Protein backbone atom coordinates (compact mmCIF):
# COMPACT_ATOMS: atom_id res chain seq x y z
CA MET A 1 35.42 3.91 -23.87
CA ASP A 2 36.89 6.47 -21.57
CA LEU A 3 36.39 6.04 -17.86
CA PHE A 4 37.34 9.65 -17.19
CA GLU A 5 34.07 10.70 -18.79
CA ILE A 6 32.49 8.94 -15.71
CA THR A 7 34.93 10.35 -13.17
CA PRO A 8 37.53 13.10 -13.99
CA LEU A 9 39.81 11.88 -11.17
CA ARG A 10 42.65 9.75 -12.39
CA PRO A 11 44.13 6.88 -10.25
CA ALA A 12 47.45 8.65 -9.95
CA ASP A 13 45.79 11.69 -8.56
CA ALA A 14 43.46 9.96 -5.99
CA PRO A 15 44.48 10.82 -2.37
CA GLY A 16 43.43 7.33 -1.36
CA SER A 17 41.67 4.29 -3.01
CA TRP A 18 40.39 5.21 -6.52
CA ILE A 19 38.00 2.32 -7.24
CA PRO A 20 35.34 3.32 -4.63
CA GLY A 21 35.10 6.79 -6.26
CA LEU A 22 34.64 5.22 -9.67
CA LEU A 23 31.82 2.89 -8.25
CA ARG A 24 30.21 6.02 -6.51
CA ALA A 25 30.28 7.86 -9.88
CA LEU A 26 28.60 4.98 -11.80
CA LEU A 27 25.92 4.60 -9.12
CA LEU A 28 25.31 8.33 -8.97
CA ARG A 29 24.97 8.74 -12.70
CA SER A 30 22.49 5.78 -12.81
CA GLN A 31 20.11 7.83 -10.60
CA PHE A 32 20.02 10.94 -12.80
CA SER A 33 16.82 9.52 -14.44
CA HIS A 34 14.36 7.75 -12.11
CA ALA A 35 12.84 5.86 -15.13
CA LYS A 36 16.28 4.55 -16.28
CA ALA A 37 17.30 3.65 -12.81
CA ARG A 38 14.21 1.52 -12.50
CA LEU A 39 14.75 0.04 -15.93
CA LEU A 40 18.35 -0.96 -14.92
CA GLY A 41 16.91 -2.71 -11.80
CA TRP A 42 17.60 -0.20 -9.06
CA ARG A 43 14.91 0.32 -6.40
CA GLY A 44 16.97 2.05 -3.78
CA ILE A 45 20.72 2.86 -3.03
CA ARG A 46 21.94 3.91 0.36
CA PRO A 47 25.80 4.69 0.72
CA SER A 48 27.41 4.89 4.02
CA LEU A 49 30.92 6.02 5.20
CA ALA A 50 30.37 5.72 8.87
CA PHE A 51 32.07 2.19 9.24
CA GLY A 52 34.06 1.98 6.01
CA GLU A 53 32.85 2.61 2.54
CA CYS A 54 29.76 0.45 1.93
CA TRP A 55 26.36 0.52 0.14
CA THR A 56 23.07 -1.15 0.68
CA PHE A 57 20.72 -1.77 -2.25
CA LYS A 58 17.17 -2.61 -3.04
CA LEU A 59 16.88 -4.35 -6.36
CA ARG A 60 14.07 -5.26 -8.70
CA GLY A 61 12.67 -8.74 -7.75
CA SER A 62 14.69 -9.12 -4.57
CA PRO A 63 12.62 -8.95 -1.28
CA GLY A 64 15.76 -8.50 0.81
CA VAL A 65 18.67 -6.04 0.78
CA HIS A 66 21.99 -6.43 -0.84
CA GLY A 67 25.10 -4.97 0.71
CA LEU A 68 28.59 -4.19 -0.76
CA LEU A 69 31.51 -3.47 1.49
CA PHE A 70 34.94 -2.15 0.15
CA GLU A 71 37.66 -4.38 1.50
CA GLY A 72 40.76 -2.82 -0.21
CA GLU A 73 42.55 -1.89 -3.36
CA ASP A 74 45.62 -3.34 -5.12
CA ARG A 75 47.67 -1.84 -7.95
CA ASP A 76 49.54 -3.98 -10.32
CA GLY A 77 51.29 -2.20 -13.12
CA ASP A 78 48.60 -0.50 -15.09
CA ARG A 79 45.72 -2.11 -13.36
CA VAL A 80 43.80 -0.85 -10.35
CA ARG A 81 41.74 -3.49 -8.52
CA GLY A 82 39.18 -2.93 -5.92
CA ARG A 83 37.90 -5.77 -3.68
CA PHE A 84 34.38 -5.84 -2.26
CA SER A 85 32.53 -8.27 -0.12
CA LEU A 86 29.04 -9.06 -1.23
CA HIS A 87 26.17 -9.68 1.32
CA TYR A 88 22.41 -10.44 1.24
CA PHE A 89 20.08 -9.67 4.14
CA PRO A 90 16.84 -11.50 3.50
CA ASP A 91 13.42 -10.31 4.44
CA PRO A 92 12.51 -12.19 7.69
CA ALA A 93 9.49 -13.67 5.93
CA GLU A 94 11.48 -15.14 3.04
CA PRO A 95 11.73 -18.98 3.14
CA ARG A 96 15.44 -18.64 2.25
CA ALA A 97 16.06 -16.91 5.63
CA GLU A 98 15.58 -20.39 7.19
CA MET A 99 18.58 -21.67 5.06
CA LEU A 100 20.98 -19.24 6.74
CA PRO A 101 23.31 -20.17 9.46
CA LEU A 102 21.39 -20.45 12.70
CA ALA A 103 22.89 -17.33 14.23
CA ALA A 104 21.90 -15.32 11.04
CA ALA A 105 18.35 -16.69 11.15
CA VAL A 106 17.99 -15.64 14.75
CA LEU A 107 19.42 -12.19 14.10
CA SER A 108 16.92 -11.76 11.18
CA GLN A 109 14.05 -12.07 13.63
CA ARG A 110 15.30 -9.34 15.96
CA PRO A 111 13.30 -6.13 16.15
CA GLU A 112 16.34 -4.06 15.31
CA TYR A 113 17.32 -6.22 12.40
CA TRP A 114 16.95 -3.61 9.72
CA ASP A 115 18.92 -1.06 11.77
CA LEU A 116 21.69 -3.57 11.96
CA VAL A 117 21.55 -4.13 8.14
CA ARG A 118 22.02 -0.50 7.53
CA GLU A 119 25.06 -0.43 9.63
CA PHE A 120 26.25 -3.96 8.88
CA PRO A 121 30.04 -3.22 8.58
CA ALA A 122 29.95 -2.10 12.24
CA ARG A 123 29.43 -5.57 13.46
CA ASP A 124 31.68 -8.40 12.40
CA GLU A 125 28.83 -10.75 13.23
CA THR A 126 26.36 -9.10 11.01
CA SER A 127 28.86 -8.74 8.12
CA GLN A 128 30.26 -12.19 8.22
CA LEU A 129 26.94 -14.16 8.77
CA PHE A 130 25.30 -12.70 5.68
CA CYS A 131 28.43 -12.63 3.32
CA LEU A 132 27.83 -14.48 0.04
CA GLY A 133 31.17 -13.96 -1.81
CA ALA A 134 33.36 -11.37 -3.42
CA LEU A 135 32.92 -8.80 -6.12
CA THR A 136 35.93 -7.15 -7.90
CA LEU A 137 35.97 -3.99 -9.87
CA SER A 138 39.23 -3.36 -11.77
CA ALA A 139 40.30 -0.78 -14.43
CA ALA A 140 43.18 0.19 -16.47
CA ALA A 141 44.96 3.38 -15.24
CA SER A 142 44.61 4.67 -18.84
CA GLY A 143 40.71 4.64 -18.42
CA GLN A 144 40.42 2.43 -21.55
CA ALA A 145 39.58 -0.92 -19.87
CA LEU A 146 37.25 -2.13 -17.13
CA SER A 147 36.46 -5.53 -15.56
CA LEU A 148 33.61 -6.57 -13.27
CA GLU A 149 33.97 -10.05 -11.46
CA LEU A 150 31.76 -12.06 -9.17
CA THR A 151 33.14 -15.00 -7.21
CA ALA A 152 30.82 -17.11 -5.06
CA LEU A 153 30.05 -20.74 -4.14
CA SER A 154 26.97 -22.30 -5.83
CA ARG A 155 26.02 -23.38 -2.27
CA GLN A 156 27.32 -22.16 1.00
CA ARG A 157 26.89 -25.29 3.00
CA THR A 158 27.78 -25.99 6.60
CA LEU A 159 27.58 -29.63 7.85
CA ALA A 160 27.04 -30.70 11.42
CA PRO A 161 28.19 -34.43 11.81
CA GLU A 162 27.27 -34.55 15.46
CA GLY A 163 24.18 -32.39 15.06
CA LEU A 164 23.21 -29.31 16.99
CA ASP A 165 21.10 -29.42 20.15
CA TRP A 166 19.68 -26.61 22.29
CA PRO A 167 20.33 -26.15 25.12
CA PRO A 168 23.75 -27.84 24.60
CA GLY A 169 23.77 -31.43 25.93
CA SER A 170 20.03 -31.64 26.17
CA GLY A 171 19.56 -34.05 23.08
CA ASN A 172 16.88 -31.62 21.68
CA PHE A 173 18.46 -31.44 18.26
CA VAL A 174 17.68 -28.22 16.25
CA VAL A 175 19.98 -29.78 13.50
CA PRO A 176 19.97 -33.54 13.42
CA PRO A 177 23.30 -35.46 13.35
CA GLY A 178 24.75 -35.42 9.85
CA GLY A 179 22.38 -32.50 8.96
CA ARG A 180 23.05 -29.11 7.45
CA GLU A 181 23.37 -26.18 9.69
CA SER A 182 23.07 -23.88 6.80
CA ASP A 183 22.56 -24.27 3.06
CA VAL A 184 22.63 -20.86 1.15
CA ALA A 185 22.31 -20.52 -2.55
CA ALA A 186 25.19 -17.89 -2.49
CA TRP A 187 25.66 -17.54 -6.29
CA ALA A 188 21.99 -17.20 -7.02
CA LEU A 189 21.49 -14.55 -4.27
CA GLY A 190 24.51 -12.55 -5.26
CA PHE A 191 23.96 -12.58 -8.98
CA PRO A 192 21.11 -9.94 -9.07
CA LEU A 193 23.41 -7.31 -7.69
CA PHE A 194 26.19 -8.30 -10.16
CA ARG A 195 23.57 -8.28 -13.02
CA THR A 196 22.34 -4.76 -12.11
CA LEU A 197 25.80 -3.32 -11.83
CA ALA A 198 26.77 -4.81 -15.17
CA ALA A 199 23.70 -3.39 -16.71
CA THR A 200 24.55 0.06 -15.27
CA ILE A 201 28.12 -0.11 -16.50
CA SER A 202 27.06 -1.07 -19.98
CA PHE A 203 24.59 1.78 -20.09
CA GLN A 204 26.98 4.43 -18.72
CA LEU A 205 29.83 3.36 -21.02
CA GLY A 206 27.49 3.06 -24.04
CA GLU A 207 28.85 -0.35 -24.91
CA PRO A 208 28.54 -3.97 -23.93
CA PRO A 209 31.46 -5.97 -22.57
CA ALA A 210 34.04 -7.14 -25.08
CA SER A 211 34.17 -10.67 -23.53
CA GLN A 212 32.45 -12.69 -20.69
CA VAL A 213 34.06 -15.57 -19.03
CA LEU A 214 32.51 -18.08 -16.63
CA GLU A 215 34.88 -20.39 -14.81
CA ARG A 216 34.01 -23.35 -12.60
CA PHE A 217 36.28 -24.71 -9.74
CA PRO A 218 35.71 -27.47 -7.27
CA GLY A 219 33.68 -26.43 -4.21
CA ARG A 220 33.90 -26.85 -0.56
CA VAL A 221 31.78 -27.17 2.49
CA GLN A 222 32.29 -26.14 6.11
CA VAL A 223 32.08 -28.54 9.04
CA CYS A 224 31.01 -27.39 12.37
CA ARG A 225 31.09 -29.12 15.78
CA GLN A 226 29.29 -27.82 18.89
CA GLY A 227 28.13 -24.74 16.85
CA ARG A 228 31.72 -23.78 15.90
CA VAL A 229 33.14 -24.00 12.35
CA LEU A 230 36.31 -26.01 12.68
CA GLU A 231 37.31 -27.04 9.17
CA GLN A 232 36.57 -26.81 5.47
CA ALA A 233 36.34 -29.92 3.31
CA PRO A 234 36.19 -30.41 -0.58
CA SER A 235 32.73 -31.15 -1.91
CA GLU A 236 31.51 -32.59 -5.26
CA GLN A 237 28.14 -31.11 -4.60
CA THR A 238 29.11 -27.47 -4.76
CA ARG A 239 31.12 -25.38 -7.28
CA LEU A 240 33.04 -22.19 -6.91
CA LEU A 241 32.01 -20.00 -9.81
CA ARG A 242 33.66 -16.88 -11.18
CA LEU A 243 31.98 -14.71 -13.75
CA ARG A 244 34.05 -11.81 -15.28
CA LEU A 245 33.00 -9.13 -17.68
CA ASP A 246 35.71 -7.22 -19.64
CA TYR A 247 34.97 -3.78 -21.17
CA GLY A 248 37.20 -2.08 -23.69
CA GLY A 249 39.66 -3.47 -26.27
CA PRO A 250 38.92 -5.75 -29.10
CA GLN A 251 36.70 -8.88 -28.97
CA SER A 252 38.62 -11.63 -27.40
CA PRO A 253 39.13 -14.51 -29.90
CA ALA A 254 39.47 -17.05 -27.05
CA PHE A 255 35.86 -16.78 -26.20
CA GLY A 256 34.20 -16.19 -29.60
CA PRO A 257 31.53 -13.66 -30.34
CA LEU A 258 29.61 -12.19 -27.34
CA ARG A 259 26.17 -14.00 -27.05
CA ARG A 260 23.67 -14.77 -24.53
CA GLN A 261 24.66 -17.76 -22.35
CA PRO A 262 22.44 -20.33 -20.86
CA TRP A 263 23.77 -19.73 -17.32
CA GLN A 264 21.47 -20.22 -14.43
CA HIS A 265 19.68 -16.95 -13.54
CA ALA A 266 21.18 -15.23 -16.49
CA HIS A 267 19.21 -16.31 -19.55
CA ASN A 268 18.92 -12.70 -20.82
CA PRO A 269 21.84 -10.68 -19.35
CA GLU A 270 21.03 -7.03 -19.26
CA TRP A 271 24.60 -5.97 -19.82
CA LEU A 272 24.26 -6.86 -23.49
CA ASP A 273 21.81 -3.93 -23.94
CA ALA A 274 24.10 -0.97 -23.61
CA GLN A 275 22.04 1.69 -25.40
CA ALA A 276 18.63 0.97 -24.07
CA PRO A 277 18.38 -0.76 -20.68
CA GLY A 278 15.79 -3.33 -20.13
CA GLY A 279 14.68 -4.30 -23.70
CA ARG A 280 11.08 -5.35 -24.37
CA GLY A 281 10.98 -7.53 -21.27
CA ALA A 282 11.29 -4.31 -19.19
CA LEU A 283 8.29 -2.71 -20.79
CA PRO A 284 5.54 -2.23 -18.14
CA GLU A 285 2.72 -4.71 -18.17
CA LEU A 286 -0.69 -3.50 -19.20
CA LEU A 287 -3.54 -5.00 -17.16
CA VAL A 288 -7.03 -4.37 -18.46
CA LEU A 289 -9.59 -4.16 -15.52
CA THR A 290 -13.19 -4.42 -16.56
CA GLY A 291 -16.46 -5.12 -14.82
CA PHE A 292 -20.09 -3.93 -14.86
CA LEU A 293 -21.27 -1.00 -12.78
CA GLY A 294 -20.95 -1.48 -9.03
CA SER A 295 -18.95 -4.79 -9.22
CA GLY A 296 -16.09 -3.51 -6.95
CA LYS A 297 -13.36 -2.64 -9.39
CA THR A 298 -12.06 0.35 -7.57
CA THR A 299 -11.89 -1.61 -4.29
CA LEU A 300 -9.98 -4.48 -6.03
CA LEU A 301 -7.66 -1.90 -7.60
CA ARG A 302 -6.76 -0.40 -4.35
CA ARG A 303 -5.88 -3.70 -2.89
CA PHE A 304 -3.90 -4.50 -6.06
CA ILE A 305 -1.86 -1.33 -5.66
CA GLU A 306 -1.14 -2.06 -2.07
CA HIS A 307 0.01 -5.53 -2.92
CA ASN A 308 2.40 -4.26 -5.52
CA GLN A 309 3.74 -1.61 -3.23
CA GLN A 310 4.59 -4.30 -0.73
CA HIS A 311 6.55 -6.06 -3.39
CA ASP A 312 8.35 -2.92 -4.61
CA ARG A 313 6.36 -2.77 -7.93
CA PHE A 314 5.19 0.66 -9.11
CA VAL A 315 1.63 0.93 -10.54
CA ALA A 316 0.19 3.52 -12.80
CA VAL A 317 -3.56 3.75 -13.45
CA ILE A 318 -5.50 5.03 -16.43
CA GLN A 319 -9.15 5.47 -15.80
CA ASN A 320 -12.06 6.40 -17.88
CA GLU A 321 -15.57 7.08 -16.64
CA ILE A 322 -18.88 7.76 -18.22
CA GLY A 323 -19.66 11.32 -17.13
CA ALA A 324 -17.91 14.54 -17.14
CA VAL A 325 -16.39 14.14 -13.68
CA GLY A 326 -14.18 11.39 -12.49
CA LEU A 327 -14.33 10.08 -8.98
CA ASP A 328 -12.40 6.80 -8.71
CA GLY A 329 -9.02 8.45 -9.37
CA ARG A 330 -9.41 10.39 -6.18
CA LEU A 331 -10.19 7.36 -4.11
CA LEU A 332 -6.95 5.61 -5.02
CA ASP A 333 -3.57 5.73 -3.18
CA GLN A 334 -1.86 8.80 -4.65
CA ASP A 335 1.47 7.02 -4.59
CA SER A 336 0.35 5.72 -7.89
CA PRO A 337 -0.18 8.20 -10.61
CA VAL A 338 -3.74 8.34 -12.04
CA LEU A 339 -4.54 9.72 -15.47
CA GLU A 340 -8.27 10.11 -15.86
CA MET A 341 -9.85 10.08 -19.28
CA ASP A 342 -13.40 11.26 -18.40
CA GLU A 343 -15.94 10.65 -21.09
CA GLY A 344 -13.00 8.78 -23.00
CA CYS A 345 -15.39 5.95 -23.58
CA VAL A 346 -13.19 2.97 -24.12
CA CYS A 347 -16.25 1.17 -25.33
CA CYS A 348 -15.90 2.90 -28.74
CA SER A 349 -12.71 4.67 -29.76
CA LEU A 350 -10.29 5.30 -26.95
CA SER A 351 -7.26 3.67 -28.75
CA GLY A 352 -5.77 7.01 -29.89
CA GLN A 353 -6.33 8.59 -26.48
CA LEU A 354 -5.07 5.55 -24.75
CA LYS A 355 -1.69 5.76 -26.54
CA LYS A 356 -1.42 9.45 -25.62
CA GLY A 357 -2.27 8.70 -22.13
CA LEU A 358 0.31 5.86 -21.87
CA SER A 359 2.92 8.21 -23.41
CA ARG A 360 2.20 10.89 -20.87
CA ILE A 361 2.50 8.48 -17.91
CA LEU A 362 5.71 6.87 -19.24
CA GLU A 363 7.39 10.16 -19.94
CA ARG A 364 7.15 11.05 -16.26
CA PHE A 365 7.32 7.55 -14.57
CA ARG A 366 8.51 4.22 -15.22
CA PRO A 367 5.88 1.89 -13.73
CA ASP A 368 6.16 -1.92 -13.51
CA VAL A 369 2.39 -2.14 -14.25
CA VAL A 370 -0.15 -0.09 -15.97
CA VAL A 371 -3.79 -0.67 -15.24
CA LEU A 372 -6.45 0.49 -17.59
CA GLU A 373 -9.64 0.61 -15.48
CA MET A 374 -12.42 0.65 -17.87
CA SER A 375 -15.84 2.23 -17.37
CA GLY A 376 -18.41 -0.25 -15.96
CA LEU A 377 -20.35 0.20 -19.16
CA ALA A 378 -17.37 -0.08 -21.59
CA ASN A 379 -17.05 -3.14 -23.74
CA PRO A 380 -13.46 -4.49 -23.70
CA LYS A 381 -13.81 -6.30 -26.83
CA ASN A 382 -13.83 -2.97 -28.77
CA LEU A 383 -10.53 -2.10 -27.11
CA LEU A 384 -8.67 -5.35 -27.39
CA ALA A 385 -8.58 -5.23 -31.17
CA GLU A 386 -6.84 -1.77 -30.91
CA LEU A 387 -4.20 -2.78 -28.35
CA ARG A 388 -1.78 -3.53 -31.17
CA GLU A 389 -1.17 0.16 -31.37
CA VAL A 390 0.46 0.30 -28.01
CA ARG A 391 2.78 -2.73 -28.26
CA ASP A 392 5.71 -0.50 -28.47
CA LEU A 393 4.84 1.04 -25.11
CA VAL A 394 3.57 -1.96 -22.98
CA ARG A 395 3.49 -5.72 -22.94
CA ARG A 396 0.35 -7.78 -22.56
CA GLY A 397 -0.93 -8.56 -19.15
CA PRO A 398 -4.28 -10.33 -18.37
CA VAL A 399 -7.77 -9.03 -18.71
CA LEU A 400 -9.27 -9.12 -15.41
CA ALA A 401 -13.15 -8.83 -15.12
CA VAL A 402 -14.97 -8.19 -11.90
CA ALA A 403 -18.44 -9.48 -11.53
CA ASP A 404 -21.07 -8.40 -8.92
CA GLY A 405 -22.00 -11.85 -7.63
CA PRO A 406 -25.60 -11.06 -6.38
CA HIS A 407 -26.46 -9.28 -9.70
CA LEU A 408 -24.40 -11.30 -12.26
CA ALA A 409 -27.25 -13.42 -13.54
CA GLN A 410 -29.43 -10.38 -14.21
CA ALA A 411 -26.60 -8.45 -15.85
CA LEU A 412 -25.79 -11.34 -18.07
CA LYS A 413 -29.45 -11.73 -19.05
CA GLU A 414 -30.09 -8.09 -19.79
CA SER A 415 -26.75 -6.68 -21.15
CA ALA A 416 -24.66 -7.66 -24.03
CA VAL A 417 -21.91 -5.51 -22.68
CA ALA A 418 -21.87 -7.48 -19.43
CA ARG A 419 -21.68 -10.73 -21.40
CA ASP A 420 -18.75 -9.38 -23.42
CA GLN A 421 -16.96 -8.28 -20.36
CA ILE A 422 -17.08 -11.89 -19.05
CA GLN A 423 -16.07 -13.46 -22.38
CA ALA A 424 -13.10 -11.19 -22.77
CA ALA A 425 -11.58 -12.04 -19.44
CA ASP A 426 -8.47 -14.13 -18.74
CA ILE A 427 -9.39 -13.83 -14.96
CA LEU A 428 -12.92 -13.59 -13.68
CA VAL A 429 -13.45 -12.31 -10.12
CA LEU A 430 -16.78 -13.31 -8.67
CA ASN A 431 -16.99 -10.64 -6.10
CA LYS A 432 -19.26 -10.05 -3.04
CA CYS A 433 -19.46 -13.80 -2.32
CA ASP A 434 -20.08 -12.79 1.34
CA LEU A 435 -23.55 -11.76 0.32
CA LEU A 436 -24.35 -15.22 -1.21
CA GLU A 437 -25.04 -18.74 0.06
CA PRO A 438 -22.44 -21.37 -0.84
CA ASP A 439 -24.75 -23.05 -3.42
CA GLN A 440 -25.49 -19.76 -5.01
CA VAL A 441 -21.63 -19.17 -5.42
CA ARG A 442 -21.18 -22.59 -7.02
CA GLY A 443 -24.08 -21.86 -9.39
CA LEU A 444 -22.82 -18.50 -10.45
CA GLY A 445 -19.29 -19.88 -10.96
CA GLN A 446 -20.77 -22.43 -13.25
CA LEU A 447 -22.78 -19.73 -15.10
CA ALA A 448 -19.63 -17.64 -15.65
CA ARG A 449 -17.75 -20.72 -16.99
CA GLU A 450 -20.52 -21.34 -19.49
CA HIS A 451 -19.92 -17.91 -20.91
CA ASN A 452 -16.11 -18.16 -20.75
CA PRO A 453 -14.82 -21.73 -20.20
CA ARG A 454 -11.13 -20.45 -20.58
CA ALA A 455 -11.10 -17.94 -17.79
CA LEU A 456 -9.79 -18.58 -14.27
CA VAL A 457 -12.72 -17.97 -11.99
CA LEU A 458 -11.77 -16.64 -8.43
CA GLU A 459 -14.37 -16.08 -5.66
CA ALA A 460 -13.80 -12.93 -3.64
CA GLU A 461 -15.05 -10.84 -0.79
CA HIS A 462 -14.51 -7.05 -0.95
CA GLY A 463 -12.02 -7.52 -3.96
CA ALA A 464 -9.54 -9.62 -2.06
CA ILE A 465 -7.88 -12.19 -4.35
CA PRO A 466 -4.37 -13.84 -4.57
CA PHE A 467 -2.84 -11.04 -6.63
CA GLY A 468 0.38 -13.14 -7.27
CA LEU A 469 -1.73 -15.08 -9.88
CA LEU A 470 -1.81 -12.01 -12.08
CA GLN A 471 1.93 -12.55 -12.76
CA ASP A 472 1.39 -16.03 -13.80
CA PRO A 473 2.53 -16.30 -17.46
CA ASP A 474 0.32 -19.22 -18.08
CA LEU A 475 -2.69 -16.92 -17.86
CA GLU A 476 -1.57 -15.09 -20.97
CA ARG A 477 -3.53 -16.34 -23.97
CA GLN A 478 -3.33 -15.34 -27.67
CA GLY A 479 -6.32 -13.47 -28.95
CA LEU A 480 -7.63 -10.41 -30.62
CA ALA A 481 -5.60 -8.21 -28.21
CA TRP A 482 -2.23 -8.87 -29.56
CA ASP A 483 -2.52 -10.71 -32.84
CA ASP A 484 -1.82 -8.49 -35.76
CA LEU A 485 -3.05 -11.04 -38.28
CA LEU A 486 -6.60 -11.00 -37.07
CA PRO A 487 -8.70 -8.18 -38.59
CA HIS A 488 -11.20 -6.19 -36.67
CA PHE A 489 -14.39 -7.16 -38.62
CA HIS A 490 -17.06 -5.36 -36.50
CA GLU A 491 -17.85 -3.30 -33.50
CA HIS A 492 -19.21 -5.02 -30.43
CA GLY A 493 -22.03 -3.74 -28.37
CA THR A 494 -21.82 -0.48 -26.48
CA HIS A 495 -23.48 1.22 -23.60
CA ALA A 496 -25.14 3.76 -25.90
CA GLY A 497 -26.68 0.91 -27.90
CA GLU A 498 -28.30 -0.43 -24.81
CA GLY A 499 -29.68 2.98 -23.68
CA TYR A 500 -27.26 3.73 -20.92
CA ALA A 501 -26.37 7.40 -20.38
CA SER A 502 -25.04 9.51 -17.53
CA GLN A 503 -26.12 12.77 -15.95
CA ILE A 504 -24.14 14.98 -13.38
CA LEU A 505 -25.55 16.80 -10.38
CA HIS A 506 -23.31 19.43 -8.87
CA ALA A 507 -23.83 20.22 -5.18
CA SER A 508 -22.11 23.33 -3.86
CA ALA A 509 -23.68 23.59 -0.44
CA PRO A 510 -23.94 20.98 2.52
CA LEU A 511 -27.04 18.99 2.32
CA ASP A 512 -29.65 18.12 4.93
CA PRO A 513 -28.90 14.56 6.24
CA GLU A 514 -32.63 13.88 6.87
CA ARG A 515 -33.29 14.23 3.16
CA LEU A 516 -30.21 12.59 1.89
CA ARG A 517 -30.87 8.88 2.21
CA PRO A 518 -34.58 8.90 1.20
CA ALA A 519 -33.80 10.96 -1.85
CA LEU A 520 -31.03 8.61 -2.87
CA GLU A 521 -33.00 5.45 -2.28
CA GLN A 522 -35.79 6.80 -4.54
CA ALA A 523 -33.25 7.79 -7.21
CA ALA A 524 -31.38 4.43 -6.91
CA ALA A 525 -34.57 2.56 -7.70
CA ARG A 526 -34.45 4.18 -11.17
CA ALA A 527 -30.80 4.67 -11.92
CA PHE A 528 -28.45 1.75 -12.20
CA ARG A 529 -25.65 3.42 -10.41
CA ILE A 530 -25.19 6.78 -8.48
CA LYS A 531 -21.64 7.63 -7.22
CA GLY A 532 -20.11 10.87 -5.94
CA VAL A 533 -18.99 13.14 -3.03
CA LEU A 534 -21.22 15.31 -1.01
CA ASP A 535 -21.01 17.69 2.02
CA VAL A 536 -23.56 16.97 4.69
CA LEU A 537 -24.64 19.41 7.40
CA GLY A 538 -23.04 18.44 10.81
CA ALA A 539 -20.51 16.14 9.28
CA GLU A 540 -16.72 16.84 9.68
CA ASP A 541 -15.80 14.99 6.51
CA PRO A 542 -17.31 14.80 3.07
CA VAL A 543 -19.45 11.72 2.32
CA LEU A 544 -18.79 9.18 -0.32
CA VAL A 545 -22.12 8.10 -2.00
CA GLN A 546 -22.32 4.74 -3.79
CA ALA A 547 -25.67 3.43 -4.87
CA VAL A 548 -25.98 0.20 -6.96
CA ALA A 549 -29.07 -1.69 -7.82
CA GLY A 550 -31.18 0.10 -5.16
CA ARG A 551 -28.69 -0.32 -2.35
CA VAL A 552 -27.27 3.02 -0.92
CA ASP A 553 -23.96 3.19 1.04
CA LEU A 554 -22.72 6.37 2.67
CA GLU A 555 -19.29 6.52 4.40
CA PRO A 556 -16.99 9.39 5.39
CA LEU A 557 -14.19 10.20 2.95
CA ARG A 558 -11.32 11.45 5.12
CA GLY A 559 -8.37 13.22 3.59
CA LEU A 560 -10.05 14.52 0.49
CA THR A 561 -8.75 17.88 -0.49
CA ARG A 562 -10.49 18.39 -3.78
CA PRO A 563 -13.24 20.97 -3.48
CA GLU A 564 -15.71 19.41 -6.12
CA ARG A 565 -19.01 17.94 -4.77
CA PHE A 566 -21.14 16.06 -7.20
CA LEU A 567 -23.10 12.89 -8.07
CA VAL A 568 -22.82 10.90 -11.37
CA CYS A 569 -26.02 9.15 -12.20
CA ILE A 570 -25.93 6.31 -14.79
CA GLY A 571 -28.85 4.48 -16.00
CA ARG A 572 -30.87 3.04 -18.87
CA ASP A 573 -33.33 5.47 -20.56
CA LEU A 574 -33.12 8.04 -17.77
CA PRO A 575 -35.43 11.05 -18.01
CA GLU A 576 -33.66 14.10 -19.26
CA ASP A 577 -34.36 15.95 -15.96
CA PHE A 578 -33.38 12.99 -13.72
CA ALA A 579 -30.39 14.78 -12.10
CA ALA A 580 -32.31 17.93 -11.73
CA THR A 581 -35.14 16.13 -9.98
CA LEU A 582 -32.70 14.50 -7.64
CA GLY A 583 -31.19 17.85 -6.87
CA ARG A 584 -34.55 19.26 -5.84
CA ASP A 585 -35.28 16.20 -3.72
CA LEU A 586 -31.94 16.77 -1.93
CA GLY A 587 -32.46 20.40 -1.49
CA CYS A 588 -29.54 21.57 -3.72
């Protein structure tokens, strides 16, 4: 290893402290590739020099913000040692925020909380209340060795023997006598930043650490009286933990071969993967979204994307539609890239195109989740047997089927594709329950379980479900999708075999609003689904048209910049001139 490939400045030539510059260089290089940065665990880095050298970080899986503040540098012979204090600022909604010291918990509820976090070194109160421990980065002046060390208590605990009452002397105890004023899992909260830094160092150096050492020492607790910390006392219930990684030099015989250790919160340390950050566990999850025409898949998908964005997870969407023009991709939040595969009919032979589509998305982005939204007429069973071809690109997520509650029984009776969609699901969303009576909902839930007793059935209105369940590993089940030993004996039913087809109507001019709804209602009585975008005379915005099972919905579509105006008509055994007839009725 050679640290001067990371930073050309040598310690002897540094005008001031050298270690912060080394850390800056490591962090900067980690951001050259957005995809690699996300694989390493970074979600955001904000440096600051206004109140001393410090950084705030957003990390994968952490709802709050980590902070690192440079405290000083020591030189001892050939070693240069930089000391940093490590901080964690929880999201105010986190349950762990309630375990902080009372003053910190109050501070986290203030409106200007995040402004204070961004400038946390400026206020001793902010810096001290949220401090978890210490991080040390040291290096040999020769550039041939580097060490990263984390020191923190397993629990930062403050006891209140006399309790804490508010107002003082009122006897209204906020903390009862003998209770804990704070109880912070300091090691567990600080470890994600250490883990991400270690993974970054391993990747930038191109080698894992030569040794790793975890030391345990007796812990301590703080004792406070009348809200003031007065003393520290030994404690058998806490431990002071020190974890050090050493890079460069031969393998240390004292610690044996480097291997994964069963440390809490470190079962698969990323710093062992120097060449390819993340490993298979970092592959994006592939969620297959299926459901019959008009069931509400796109609405649910929009909610799913919003949920993941709130939890700092990046979603990519691959869609395929029956018809030469795709619509749903234009209705989604454009913060998530959408690759449309129009006429790419998953029901038959999309596997080759799917792999190409996945590769195209993963070359440009590094999503946490990839959603394959299948056409409403696609049979997922024909896709599942082919997913083994993309196992090198993604890992298995659940198959989620959305069912149109009011029309589920009819669809199951008339369509083998609808039955296969239900049977392939790990999670079945019974949507539009707001249009049903409670006894109808119970009956349809029982009907769905008869077709797929293994699926988790969720009742929903407007596609709203507890999306956290989609990350539940217990929902993953072994089946055709990922079992290389099971052959694909036959093709399952397709929309073509059931007589479904699509026709496209292009409408270049604004339409008469008086003719619009009557013409659509007449056509919707014959077609199973009509969906598209039209301009209407007198309307400021284009109109989104959705017609399913005879029901027509028209709503303004604000913010659409694409110029195409069209209707996609899907139905069974439609006349060849169906779209042309609809066009004449609309006055196109």
